[in-house]
N, C-alpha and C. Protein backbone atom coordinates (compact mmCIF):
# COMPACT_ATOMS: atom_id res chain seq x y z
N UNK A 1 -175.61 159.35 368.70
CA UNK A 1 -174.55 159.26 368.20
C UNK A 1 -173.05 158.46 368.87
N UNK A 2 -174.29 157.47 369.82
CA UNK A 2 -173.26 156.46 370.52
C UNK A 2 -172.54 155.91 369.54
N UNK A 3 -173.43 154.93 368.41
CA UNK A 3 -172.98 154.09 367.70
C UNK A 3 -171.94 154.07 366.64
N UNK A 4 -171.72 155.46 366.31
CA UNK A 4 -170.61 156.17 366.06
C UNK A 4 -169.21 156.04 366.30
N UNK A 5 -169.33 156.48 367.76
CA UNK A 5 -168.22 156.17 369.05
C UNK A 5 -167.51 154.50 369.02
N UNK A 6 -168.46 153.91 369.00
CA UNK A 6 -168.61 152.17 368.81
C UNK A 6 -167.94 151.97 367.35
N UNK A 7 -168.30 152.35 366.55
CA UNK A 7 -167.83 152.22 364.80
C UNK A 7 -165.95 152.44 365.04
N UNK A 8 -166.17 153.81 365.67
CA UNK A 8 -164.91 154.28 365.75
C UNK A 8 -163.88 153.57 366.16
N UNK A 9 -164.28 153.42 367.54
CA UNK A 9 -163.20 152.21 368.80
C UNK A 9 -163.17 151.41 367.95
N UNK A 10 -164.34 150.48 367.38
CA UNK A 10 -163.29 149.23 366.69
C UNK A 10 -162.77 149.60 365.22
N UNK A 11 -162.92 150.26 364.55
CA UNK A 11 -161.73 150.54 363.63
C UNK A 11 -160.74 150.79 364.43
N UNK A 12 -160.19 151.74 365.04
CA UNK A 12 -159.10 152.08 365.74
C UNK A 12 -158.64 150.80 366.46
N UNK A 13 -159.04 149.97 367.23
CA UNK A 13 -158.31 148.84 367.36
C UNK A 13 -158.15 147.65 366.41
N UNK A 14 -159.10 147.46 365.66
CA UNK A 14 -158.77 146.53 364.49
C UNK A 14 -157.14 147.30 363.42
N UNK A 15 -157.60 148.21 363.94
CA UNK A 15 -155.94 149.00 362.86
C UNK A 15 -154.84 148.82 363.97
N UNK A 16 -154.62 148.89 365.07
CA UNK A 16 -153.40 148.62 366.44
C UNK A 16 -153.37 147.11 366.47
N UNK A 17 -154.38 146.46 366.05
CA UNK A 17 -154.37 145.25 366.26
C UNK A 17 -152.88 144.57 364.73
N UNK A 18 -153.58 145.03 363.69
CA UNK A 18 -153.19 144.84 362.20
C UNK A 18 -152.13 145.31 362.27
N UNK A 19 -151.69 146.39 362.92
CA UNK A 19 -150.80 147.41 362.82
C UNK A 19 -149.61 146.57 363.67
N UNK A 20 -149.53 145.88 364.82
CA UNK A 20 -149.06 145.25 365.48
C UNK A 20 -148.22 143.90 365.18
N UNK A 21 -149.58 143.35 364.53
CA UNK A 21 -149.35 141.87 363.91
C UNK A 21 -148.47 142.16 362.87
N UNK A 22 -148.39 143.24 362.15
CA UNK A 22 -147.54 143.77 360.55
C UNK A 22 -146.30 143.87 361.11
N UNK A 23 -146.11 144.23 362.17
CA UNK A 23 -145.03 145.28 362.85
C UNK A 23 -143.76 143.80 363.24
N UNK A 24 -144.73 143.15 363.51
CA UNK A 24 -143.95 141.91 364.38
C UNK A 24 -143.63 140.84 363.43
N UNK A 25 -143.82 140.59 362.40
CA UNK A 25 -143.44 139.67 361.35
C UNK A 25 -142.05 140.09 360.57
N UNK A 26 -141.56 139.11 360.92
CA UNK A 26 -139.98 138.41 360.51
C UNK A 26 -139.77 138.46 358.60
N UNK A 27 -140.27 137.99 358.60
CA UNK A 27 -140.17 138.11 356.77
C UNK A 27 -140.44 139.19 356.20
N UNK A 28 -140.67 140.49 356.62
CA UNK A 28 -140.85 141.47 356.14
C UNK A 28 -139.63 142.47 356.52
N UNK A 29 -139.01 143.53 355.29
CA UNK A 29 -138.25 144.58 355.78
C UNK A 29 -138.54 145.73 356.36
N UNK A 30 -138.05 146.41 356.79
CA UNK A 30 -138.64 147.19 357.06
C UNK A 30 -139.35 148.72 356.33
N UNK A 31 -139.43 148.90 355.22
CA UNK A 31 -140.04 149.44 354.38
C UNK A 31 -141.30 148.77 353.97
N UNK A 32 -141.33 147.40 353.63
CA UNK A 32 -142.38 146.82 353.82
C UNK A 32 -143.48 147.08 354.61
N UNK A 33 -142.98 146.87 355.61
CA UNK A 33 -143.60 146.88 357.00
C UNK A 33 -144.53 148.34 357.62
N UNK A 34 -143.64 149.14 357.08
CA UNK A 34 -143.79 150.87 356.94
C UNK A 34 -144.87 151.08 356.23
N UNK A 35 -144.50 150.83 354.87
CA UNK A 35 -145.90 150.98 353.55
C UNK A 35 -147.12 149.99 354.12
N UNK A 36 -146.69 148.99 354.56
CA UNK A 36 -148.22 148.06 354.62
C UNK A 36 -149.15 149.12 355.91
N UNK A 37 -148.19 149.58 357.29
CA UNK A 37 -149.28 150.11 357.84
C UNK A 37 -149.72 151.45 357.81
N UNK A 38 -148.94 152.08 356.70
CA UNK A 38 -149.35 153.23 356.14
C UNK A 38 -150.34 153.02 355.94
N UNK A 39 -150.89 152.35 355.10
CA UNK A 39 -151.88 151.14 354.15
C UNK A 39 -153.22 151.18 354.84
N UNK A 40 -152.56 150.72 355.63
CA UNK A 40 -153.56 150.27 357.15
C UNK A 40 -154.47 151.44 357.62
N UNK A 41 -154.07 152.61 357.63
CA UNK A 41 -154.27 153.39 358.72
C UNK A 41 -155.12 154.41 357.29
N UNK A 42 -154.22 154.11 355.97
CA UNK A 42 -155.01 155.18 355.29
C UNK A 42 -156.56 154.69 354.45
N UNK A 43 -156.53 153.35 354.86
CA UNK A 43 -157.93 152.83 354.14
C UNK A 43 -157.92 152.16 355.17
N UNK A 44 -158.46 152.35 356.38
CA UNK A 44 -158.78 151.70 357.80
C UNK A 44 -159.32 150.27 357.55
N UNK A 45 -160.38 150.25 357.38
CA UNK A 45 -161.18 149.03 357.52
C UNK A 45 -160.64 147.97 356.60
N UNK A 46 -160.88 147.91 355.27
CA UNK A 46 -160.36 146.91 354.47
C UNK A 46 -159.17 146.74 354.02
N UNK A 47 -158.30 147.82 354.07
CA UNK A 47 -156.52 147.16 354.09
C UNK A 47 -156.57 146.37 355.25
N UNK A 48 -156.71 146.56 356.19
CA UNK A 48 -156.28 146.05 357.62
C UNK A 48 -157.22 144.45 357.52
N UNK A 49 -158.25 144.45 357.11
CA UNK A 49 -158.61 142.94 357.01
C UNK A 49 -157.50 142.55 355.75
N UNK A 50 -157.97 143.46 354.74
CA UNK A 50 -157.03 142.41 353.58
C UNK A 50 -155.71 142.33 353.83
N UNK A 51 -155.17 142.84 354.89
CA UNK A 51 -153.68 142.36 354.93
C UNK A 51 -153.23 141.20 355.90
N UNK A 52 -154.32 141.49 356.90
CA UNK A 52 -154.28 140.66 357.83
C UNK A 52 -154.68 138.92 357.28
N UNK A 53 -155.50 138.94 356.00
CA UNK A 53 -156.06 137.50 355.47
C UNK A 53 -154.65 137.40 354.57
N UNK A 54 -154.19 138.17 354.47
CA UNK A 54 -152.72 137.83 352.79
C UNK A 54 -151.92 137.37 353.80
N UNK A 55 -151.34 137.66 354.77
CA UNK A 55 -150.43 136.89 356.09
C UNK A 55 -150.62 136.04 356.50
N UNK A 56 -151.93 136.17 356.88
CA UNK A 56 -152.32 134.55 357.67
C UNK A 56 -152.41 133.46 356.61
N UNK A 57 -152.64 133.59 355.38
CA UNK A 57 -152.88 132.49 354.07
C UNK A 57 -151.12 132.07 354.08
N UNK A 58 -150.32 133.25 354.36
CA UNK A 58 -149.20 132.89 354.03
C UNK A 58 -148.13 131.90 354.74
N UNK A 59 -149.00 132.25 356.40
CA UNK A 59 -148.34 131.32 356.88
C UNK A 59 -148.98 129.73 357.40
N UNK A 60 -150.11 129.68 356.76
CA UNK A 60 -150.56 128.55 356.59
C UNK A 60 -149.55 127.81 355.90
N UNK A 61 -148.84 126.84 356.60
CA UNK A 61 -147.88 125.71 355.37
C UNK A 61 -148.68 124.13 355.74
N UNK A 62 -149.54 124.12 356.43
CA UNK A 62 -150.66 122.55 356.39
C UNK A 62 -150.76 121.95 355.55
N UNK A 63 -150.70 123.02 354.09
CA UNK A 63 -151.37 122.53 352.83
C UNK A 63 -150.29 122.14 352.05
N UNK A 64 -149.09 122.61 352.11
CA UNK A 64 -148.06 122.31 351.55
C UNK A 64 -147.23 120.84 351.28
N UNK A 65 -146.44 120.24 350.27
CA UNK A 65 -146.02 119.40 350.19
C UNK A 65 -144.72 119.26 350.71
N UNK A 66 -143.51 119.26 349.27
CA UNK A 66 -142.27 119.25 349.79
C UNK A 66 -141.89 120.97 349.36
N UNK A 67 -140.30 121.07 349.12
CA UNK A 67 -140.03 121.81 348.90
C UNK A 67 -140.29 122.30 347.29
N UNK A 68 -140.77 123.61 346.69
CA UNK A 68 -140.83 123.83 345.17
C UNK A 68 -139.42 123.70 344.38
N UNK A 69 -139.50 123.02 343.25
CA UNK A 69 -138.61 123.45 342.15
C UNK A 69 -137.01 122.56 341.74
N UNK A 70 -135.99 123.07 341.08
CA UNK A 70 -134.97 121.70 341.12
C UNK A 70 -134.74 121.05 341.77
N UNK A 71 -133.80 120.65 341.40
CA UNK A 71 -132.72 119.66 342.21
C UNK A 71 -132.29 118.70 340.54
N UNK A 72 -131.41 117.28 341.19
CA UNK A 72 -130.99 116.69 340.26
C UNK A 72 -132.39 115.71 339.51
N UNK A 73 -133.44 115.83 339.83
CA UNK A 73 -134.41 114.85 339.75
C UNK A 73 -134.97 115.31 338.09
N UNK A 74 -135.35 114.26 337.09
CA UNK A 74 -136.10 115.53 336.25
C UNK A 74 -137.95 115.10 336.32
N UNK A 75 -138.48 115.51 335.88
CA UNK A 75 -140.08 115.64 336.17
C UNK A 75 -140.65 114.18 336.49
N UNK A 76 -140.39 113.00 336.33
CA UNK A 76 -140.63 111.67 336.10
C UNK A 76 -140.07 111.45 337.45
N UNK A 77 -139.01 111.99 338.08
CA UNK A 77 -138.09 111.65 339.89
C UNK A 77 -137.04 110.84 339.30
N UNK A 78 -136.68 110.31 338.18
CA UNK A 78 -135.20 109.96 338.07
C UNK A 78 -133.99 110.51 338.02
N UNK A 79 -133.36 109.92 338.67
CA UNK A 79 -132.16 111.07 339.10
C UNK A 79 -130.96 111.57 337.63
N UNK A 80 -130.59 112.42 337.53
CA UNK A 80 -129.95 113.09 335.99
C UNK A 80 -128.88 112.67 336.66
N UNK A 81 -127.48 112.11 336.05
CA UNK A 81 -126.12 111.95 336.85
C UNK A 81 -125.82 112.54 335.45
N UNK A 82 -124.43 113.25 335.94
CA UNK A 82 -123.10 113.85 334.35
C UNK A 82 -121.96 113.22 334.72
N UNK A 83 -121.89 112.31 333.50
CA UNK A 83 -120.83 111.27 333.42
C UNK A 83 -119.97 111.75 333.04
């Protein structure tokens, strides 16, 4: 019966850590934080790891280049001018 206590303790610790991690994020509004924390507690192990990996992947900005999207240049880098 002791192994089950360790498993439950590990799942509780993981859920608490991920819940705090989600609650401290600045890029989520209150509803998103609440919904994700509820999901973590409804589907304990899988949701906790999945949401943590998802947010960790969003925080990794080291592989990105510059900003994406528009601007006054066309696809080959030539400035478009309006005469």
